Amino acid sequence: MGSFLILLGYMGCGKSELGKKISISRSISFIDLDHFIEEKEKSSISSIFRKHGELYFRKKERFYLEMLFESDNDAVISLGGGTPCYFDNMDFINSFEKKTTVYLKTSPKELSRRLFDQRSQRPMISHIETSDALLEFISKHLFERTFYYLKSDKQLVTDGKTTDQLVEELNGLT
C-alpha cells in the first residue's frame, strides 16, 4: 500500500493548486479526487449533481476514495470539500497508517473572495447571487464542516500566503 499526503478543506482553500506543487516537489503523483471522479464517470461534478443528486455523488465519491487507497503508489490526494463530512470518510481515511492528512484552514472572508467569480462551476454555491450571501453561506457551511476537518493530522492556515510559502510550510510539517 502506498503512502499518502491528503489535503482537505473547504472548496477554494487551495487543495488542488497546492497538491500539484507538493507532488512536483516530492516527485510523486497528484490526484484530485473530483477530477478522478469526473474521469471515471465521464461526467462533470456539476452534471452528476444535476442528473443524480448529491447522495449519488457522495456514494461515488466514497467508492473512488476506497479505490485510490488500494494503490501501491505514493501520492498527494486532494479531497473534495465535502468528502471528509459524509459517511465515515474521515474515520476511514484516518484508519490508514501510511497517510498524513492536512486541513488547509482558510477564513470565510478569504474563501468568499476566491469563490465569488467561480460560482457557476461550483454546484453547492451556483445559486448564490451576492457576495454577502456567499459569505453567509460559507460561514455557516464551514462551521458545520469544521468538526470533520479538525480530525486531520495537521492544520495549515492559508490566508495571506502564497502557494510557494504554503509548499515550504507543508514540507516542514510532513
C-alpha atoms as a PDB file:
ATOM      1  CA  MET A   1       0.000   0.000   0.000  1.00  0.00           C
ATOM      2  CA  GLY A   2       1.221   3.481  -0.892  1.00  0.00           C
ATOM      3  CA  SER A   3       1.877   6.417   1.385  1.00  0.00           C
ATOM      4  CA  PHE A   4      -0.467   9.381   1.014  1.00  0.00           C
ATOM      5  CA  LEU A   5      -0.456  13.076   1.799  1.00  0.00           C
ATOM      6  CA  ILE A   6      -4.118  14.054   1.881  1.00  0.00           C
ATOM      7  CA  LEU A   7      -5.170  17.677   1.579  1.00  0.00           C
ATOM      8  CA  LEU A   8      -8.600  18.631   2.825  1.00  0.00           C
ATOM      9  CA  GLY A   9     -10.600  21.757   3.476  1.00  0.00           C
ATOM     10  CA  TYR A  10     -13.401  23.878   2.119  1.00  0.00           C
ATOM     11  CA  MET A  11     -13.728  24.489  -1.608  1.00  0.00           C
ATOM     12  CA  GLY A  12     -11.449  27.292  -2.695  1.00  0.00           C
ATOM     13  CA  CYS A  13      -8.848  26.747   0.048  1.00  0.00           C
ATOM     14  CA  GLY A  14      -6.177  25.760  -2.483  1.00  0.00           C
ATOM     15  CA  LYS A  15      -6.080  21.964  -2.220  1.00  0.00           C
ATOM     16  CA  SER A  16      -5.592  21.355  -5.945  1.00  0.00           C
ATOM     17  CA  GLU A  17      -3.056  24.087  -6.596  1.00  0.00           C
ATOM     18  CA  LEU A  18      -1.025  23.212  -3.516  1.00  0.00           C
ATOM     19  CA  GLY A  19      -1.337  19.478  -4.194  1.00  0.00           C
ATOM     20  CA  LYS A  20       0.133  19.840  -7.676  1.00  0.00           C
ATOM     21  CA  LYS A  21       3.121  21.810  -6.391  1.00  0.00           C
ATOM     22  CA  ILE A  22       3.751  19.458  -3.457  1.00  0.00           C
ATOM     23  CA  SER A  23       3.636  16.420  -5.739  1.00  0.00           C
ATOM     24  CA  ILE A  24       6.234  18.018  -8.025  1.00  0.00           C
ATOM     25  CA  SER A  25       8.486  18.917  -5.087  1.00  0.00           C
ATOM     26  CA  ARG A  26       8.291  15.313  -3.838  1.00  0.00           C
ATOM     27  CA  SER A  27       8.325  13.634  -7.268  1.00  0.00           C
ATOM     28  CA  ILE A  28       5.144  11.682  -6.557  1.00  0.00           C
ATOM     29  CA  SER A  29       1.712  11.518  -8.189  1.00  0.00           C
ATOM     30  CA  PHE A  30      -1.010  14.098  -7.646  1.00  0.00           C
ATOM     31  CA  ILE A  31      -4.646  13.019  -7.642  1.00  0.00           C
ATOM     32  CA  ASP A  32      -7.519  15.469  -7.406  1.00  0.00           C
ATOM     33  CA  LEU A  33     -10.426  13.315  -6.209  1.00  0.00           C
ATOM     34  CA  ASP A  34     -13.022  15.425  -8.041  1.00  0.00           C
ATOM     35  CA  HIS A  35     -11.111  15.152 -11.339  1.00  0.00           C
ATOM     36  CA  PHE A  36     -10.599  11.428 -10.741  1.00  0.00           C
ATOM     37  CA  ILE A  37     -14.369  11.008 -10.310  1.00  0.00           C
ATOM     38  CA  GLU A  38     -15.070  13.063 -13.440  1.00  0.00           C
ATOM     39  CA  GLU A  39     -12.705  10.859 -15.473  1.00  0.00           C
ATOM     40  CA  LYS A  40     -14.175   7.625 -14.157  1.00  0.00           C
ATOM     41  CA  GLU A  41     -17.799   8.771 -14.502  1.00  0.00           C
ATOM     42  CA  LYS A  42     -17.152  10.561 -17.823  1.00  0.00           C
ATOM     43  CA  SER A  43     -19.160  13.490 -16.477  1.00  0.00           C
ATOM     44  CA  SER A  44     -18.514  16.747 -14.630  1.00  0.00           C
ATOM     45  CA  ILE A  45     -19.272  17.030 -10.919  1.00  0.00           C
ATOM     46  CA  SER A  46     -21.903  19.679 -11.737  1.00  0.00           C
ATOM     47  CA  SER A  47     -23.566  17.327 -14.191  1.00  0.00           C
ATOM     48  CA  ILE A  48     -23.502  14.418 -11.730  1.00  0.00           C
ATOM     49  CA  PHE A  49     -25.163  16.636  -9.098  1.00  0.00           C
ATOM     50  CA  ARG A  50     -27.819  17.811 -11.592  1.00  0.00           C
ATOM     51  CA  LYS A  51     -28.598  14.382 -13.042  1.00  0.00           C
ATOM     52  CA  HIS A  52     -28.346  12.171  -9.975  1.00  0.00           C
ATOM     53  CA  GLY A  53     -28.283  14.376  -6.867  1.00  0.00           C
ATOM     54  CA  GLU A  54     -25.805  14.839  -4.064  1.00  0.00           C
ATOM     55  CA  LEU A  55     -26.342  11.464  -2.345  1.00  0.00           C
ATOM     56  CA  TYR A  56     -25.475   9.574  -5.549  1.00  0.00           C
ATOM     57  CA  PHE A  57     -22.359  11.728  -5.913  1.00  0.00           C
ATOM     58  CA  ARG A  58     -21.304  11.121  -2.291  1.00  0.00           C
ATOM     59  CA  LYS A  59     -21.626   7.346  -2.753  1.00  0.00           C
ATOM     60  CA  LYS A  60     -19.468   7.507  -5.883  1.00  0.00           C
ATOM     61  CA  GLU A  61     -17.002   9.751  -4.072  1.00  0.00           C
ATOM     62  CA  ARG A  62     -16.563   7.123  -1.339  1.00  0.00           C
ATOM     63  CA  PHE A  63     -16.260   4.321  -3.903  1.00  0.00           C
ATOM     64  CA  TYR A  64     -13.442   6.112  -5.734  1.00  0.00           C
ATOM     65  CA  LEU A  65     -11.769   7.155  -2.481  1.00  0.00           C
ATOM     66  CA  GLU A  66     -11.575   3.482  -1.499  1.00  0.00           C
ATOM     67  CA  MET A  67     -10.177   2.687  -4.942  1.00  0.00           C
ATOM     68  CA  LEU A  68      -7.401   5.259  -4.513  1.00  0.00           C
ATOM     69  CA  PHE A  69      -6.390   3.826  -1.147  1.00  0.00           C
ATOM     70  CA  GLU A  70      -5.857   0.421  -2.743  1.00  0.00           C
ATOM     71  CA  SER A  71      -2.982   1.839  -4.806  1.00  0.00           C
ATOM     72  CA  ASP A  72       0.614   0.869  -4.116  1.00  0.00           C
ATOM     73  CA  ASN A  73       1.893   4.230  -5.335  1.00  0.00           C
ATOM     74  CA  ASP A  74       2.755   7.196  -3.132  1.00  0.00           C
ATOM     75  CA  ALA A  75       0.570  10.215  -3.905  1.00  0.00           C
ATOM     76  CA  VAL A  76      -0.708  13.595  -2.857  1.00  0.00           C
ATOM     77  CA  ILE A  77      -4.513  13.427  -2.848  1.00  0.00           C
ATOM     78  CA  SER A  78      -6.722  16.493  -2.864  1.00  0.00           C
ATOM     79  CA  LEU A  79     -10.169  15.679  -1.481  1.00  0.00           C
ATOM     80  CA  GLY A  80     -13.378  17.425  -2.425  1.00  0.00           C
ATOM     81  CA  GLY A  81     -14.506  19.963   0.163  1.00  0.00           C
ATOM     82  CA  GLY A  82     -17.326  17.714   1.379  1.00  0.00           C
ATOM     83  CA  THR A  83     -15.509  14.383   1.233  1.00  0.00           C
ATOM     84  CA  PRO A  84     -14.477  14.311   4.919  1.00  0.00           C
ATOM     85  CA  CYS A  85     -18.016  15.174   6.029  1.00  0.00           C
ATOM     86  CA  TYR A  86     -20.019  12.284   4.600  1.00  0.00           C
ATOM     87  CA  PHE A  87     -20.495   8.733   5.809  1.00  0.00           C
ATOM     88  CA  ASP A  88     -17.497   7.812   7.951  1.00  0.00           C
ATOM     89  CA  ASN A  89     -14.998   9.099   5.401  1.00  0.00           C
ATOM     90  CA  MET A  90     -12.657  10.825   7.877  1.00  0.00           C
ATOM     91  CA  ASP A  91     -12.554   7.764  10.121  1.00  0.00           C
ATOM     92  CA  PHE A  92     -11.919   5.607   7.046  1.00  0.00           C
ATOM     93  CA  ILE A  93      -9.071   7.896   5.928  1.00  0.00           C
ATOM     94  CA  ASN A  94      -7.625   8.062   9.436  1.00  0.00           C
ATOM     95  CA  SER A  95      -7.644   4.271   9.705  1.00  0.00           C
ATOM     96  CA  PHE A  96      -4.664   4.128   7.328  1.00  0.00           C
ATOM     97  CA  GLU A  97      -1.211   4.245   8.910  1.00  0.00           C
ATOM     98  CA  LYS A  98       0.721   5.461   5.883  1.00  0.00           C
ATOM     99  CA  LYS A  99      -1.034   8.776   5.430  1.00  0.00           C
ATOM    100  CA  THR A 100      -0.881  12.329   6.668  1.00  0.00           C
ATOM    101  CA  THR A 101      -3.978  14.495   6.472  1.00  0.00           C
ATOM    102  CA  VAL A 102      -3.604  18.266   6.343  1.00  0.00           C
ATOM    103  CA  TYR A 103      -6.509  20.682   6.775  1.00  0.00           C
ATOM    104  CA  LEU A 104      -5.945  23.830   4.716  1.00  0.00           C
ATOM    105  CA  LYS A 105      -7.629  26.285   7.048  1.00  0.00           C
ATOM    106  CA  THR A 106      -8.946  29.360   5.233  1.00  0.00           C
ATOM    107  CA  SER A 107     -11.197  32.103   6.614  1.00  0.00           C
ATOM    108  CA  PRO A 108     -14.765  32.518   5.305  1.00  0.00           C
ATOM    109  CA  LYS A 109     -13.909  36.013   4.074  1.00  0.00           C
ATOM    110  CA  GLU A 110     -10.954  34.744   2.027  1.00  0.00           C
ATOM    111  CA  LEU A 111     -12.988  31.797   0.691  1.00  0.00           C
ATOM    112  CA  SER A 112     -15.782  34.165  -0.396  1.00  0.00           C
ATOM    113  CA  ARG A 113     -13.310  36.378  -2.208  1.00  0.00           C
ATOM    114  CA  ARG A 114     -11.764  33.409  -4.033  1.00  0.00           C
ATOM    115  CA  LEU A 115     -15.059  31.710  -4.908  1.00  0.00           C
ATOM    116  CA  PHE A 116     -17.390  34.533  -5.923  1.00  0.00           C
ATOM    117  CA  ASP A 117     -16.424  34.507  -9.609  1.00  0.00           C
ATOM    118  CA  GLN A 118     -16.361  30.682  -9.707  1.00  0.00           C
ATOM    119  CA  ARG A 119     -19.951  30.166  -8.544  1.00  0.00           C
ATOM    120  CA  SER A 120     -21.235  28.792 -11.867  1.00  0.00           C
ATOM    121  CA  GLN A 121     -18.670  25.949 -11.750  1.00  0.00           C
ATOM    122  CA  ARG A 122     -19.432  25.076  -8.118  1.00  0.00           C
ATOM    123  CA  PRO A 123     -22.742  23.204  -7.659  1.00  0.00           C
ATOM    124  CA  MET A 124     -23.011  23.985  -3.942  1.00  0.00           C
ATOM    125  CA  ILE A 125     -22.877  27.774  -4.466  1.00  0.00           C
ATOM    126  CA  SER A 126     -24.131  28.250  -8.027  1.00  0.00           C
ATOM    127  CA  HIS A 127     -27.462  29.606  -6.768  1.00  0.00           C
ATOM    128  CA  ILE A 128     -25.932  32.395  -4.636  1.00  0.00           C
ATOM    129  CA  GLU A 129     -26.150  35.858  -6.187  1.00  0.00           C
ATOM    130  CA  THR A 130     -24.354  38.338  -3.924  1.00  0.00           C
ATOM    131  CA  SER A 131     -21.009  38.407  -2.154  1.00  0.00           C
ATOM    132  CA  ASP A 132     -22.726  38.988   1.209  1.00  0.00           C
ATOM    133  CA  ALA A 133     -24.963  35.957   0.689  1.00  0.00           C
ATOM    134  CA  LEU A 134     -21.932  33.882  -0.299  1.00  0.00           C
ATOM    135  CA  LEU A 135     -20.034  34.931   2.819  1.00  0.00           C
ATOM    136  CA  GLU A 136     -23.016  33.991   4.981  1.00  0.00           C
ATOM    137  CA  PHE A 137     -23.403  30.607   3.239  1.00  0.00           C
ATOM    138  CA  ILE A 138     -19.708  29.775   3.538  1.00  0.00           C
ATOM    139  CA  SER A 139     -19.574  30.861   7.193  1.00  0.00           C
ATOM    140  CA  LYS A 140     -22.471  28.559   8.123  1.00  0.00           C
ATOM    141  CA  HIS A 141     -21.297  25.684   5.925  1.00  0.00           C
ATOM    142  CA  LEU A 142     -17.715  25.913   7.173  1.00  0.00           C
ATOM    143  CA  PHE A 143     -18.945  25.917  10.768  1.00  0.00           C
ATOM    144  CA  GLU A 144     -20.782  22.632  10.090  1.00  0.00           C
ATOM    145  CA  ARG A 145     -17.795  21.043   8.364  1.00  0.00           C
ATOM    146  CA  THR A 146     -15.023  22.175  10.713  1.00  0.00           C
ATOM    147  CA  PHE A 147     -15.729  19.278  13.104  1.00  0.00           C
ATOM    148  CA  TYR A 148     -14.668  16.848  10.358  1.00  0.00           C
ATOM    149  CA  TYR A 149     -11.767  18.939   9.082  1.00  0.00           C
ATOM    150  CA  LEU A 150     -10.295  19.116  12.584  1.00  0.00           C
ATOM    151  CA  LYS A 151      -9.911  15.322  12.589  1.00  0.00           C
ATOM    152  CA  SER A 152      -6.916  15.854  10.297  1.00  0.00           C
ATOM    153  CA  ASP A 153      -3.390  15.170  11.496  1.00  0.00           C
ATOM    154  CA  LYS A 154      -2.166  18.705  10.807  1.00  0.00           C
ATOM    155  CA  GLN A 155      -3.549  22.171  10.059  1.00  0.00           C
ATOM    156  CA  LEU A 156      -2.120  24.831   7.789  1.00  0.00           C
ATOM    157  CA  VAL A 157      -3.540  28.366   7.726  1.00  0.00           C
ATOM    158  CA  THR A 158      -3.620  29.621   4.121  1.00  0.00           C
ATOM    159  CA  ASP A 159      -4.811  33.242   4.442  1.00  0.00           C
ATOM    160  CA  GLY A 160      -2.312  35.784   3.148  1.00  0.00           C
ATOM    161  CA  LYS A 161       0.208  33.179   1.975  1.00  0.00           C
ATOM    162  CA  THR A 162       1.469  32.344  -1.497  1.00  0.00           C
ATOM    163  CA  THR A 163       1.397  28.800  -2.799  1.00  0.00           C
ATOM    164  CA  ASP A 164       5.196  28.664  -2.563  1.00  0.00           C
ATOM    165  CA  GLN A 165       5.061  29.703   1.101  1.00  0.00           C
ATOM    166  CA  LEU A 166       2.469  27.004   1.760  1.00  0.00           C
ATOM    167  CA  VAL A 167       4.576  24.360  -0.028  1.00  0.00           C
ATOM    168  CA  GLU A 168       7.527  25.289   2.189  1.00  0.00           C
ATOM    169  CA  GLU A 169       5.383  25.167   5.350  1.00  0.00           C
ATOM    170  CA  LEU A 170       3.768  21.883   4.338  1.00  0.00           C
ATOM    171  CA  ASN A 171       7.113  20.271   3.569  1.00  0.00           C
ATOM    172  CA  GLY A 172       8.187  21.310   7.067  1.00  0.00           C
ATOM    173  CA  LEU A 173       5.053  19.774   8.637  1.00  0.00           C
ATOM    174  CA  THR A 174       5.192  16.367   6.962  1.00  0.00           C
END
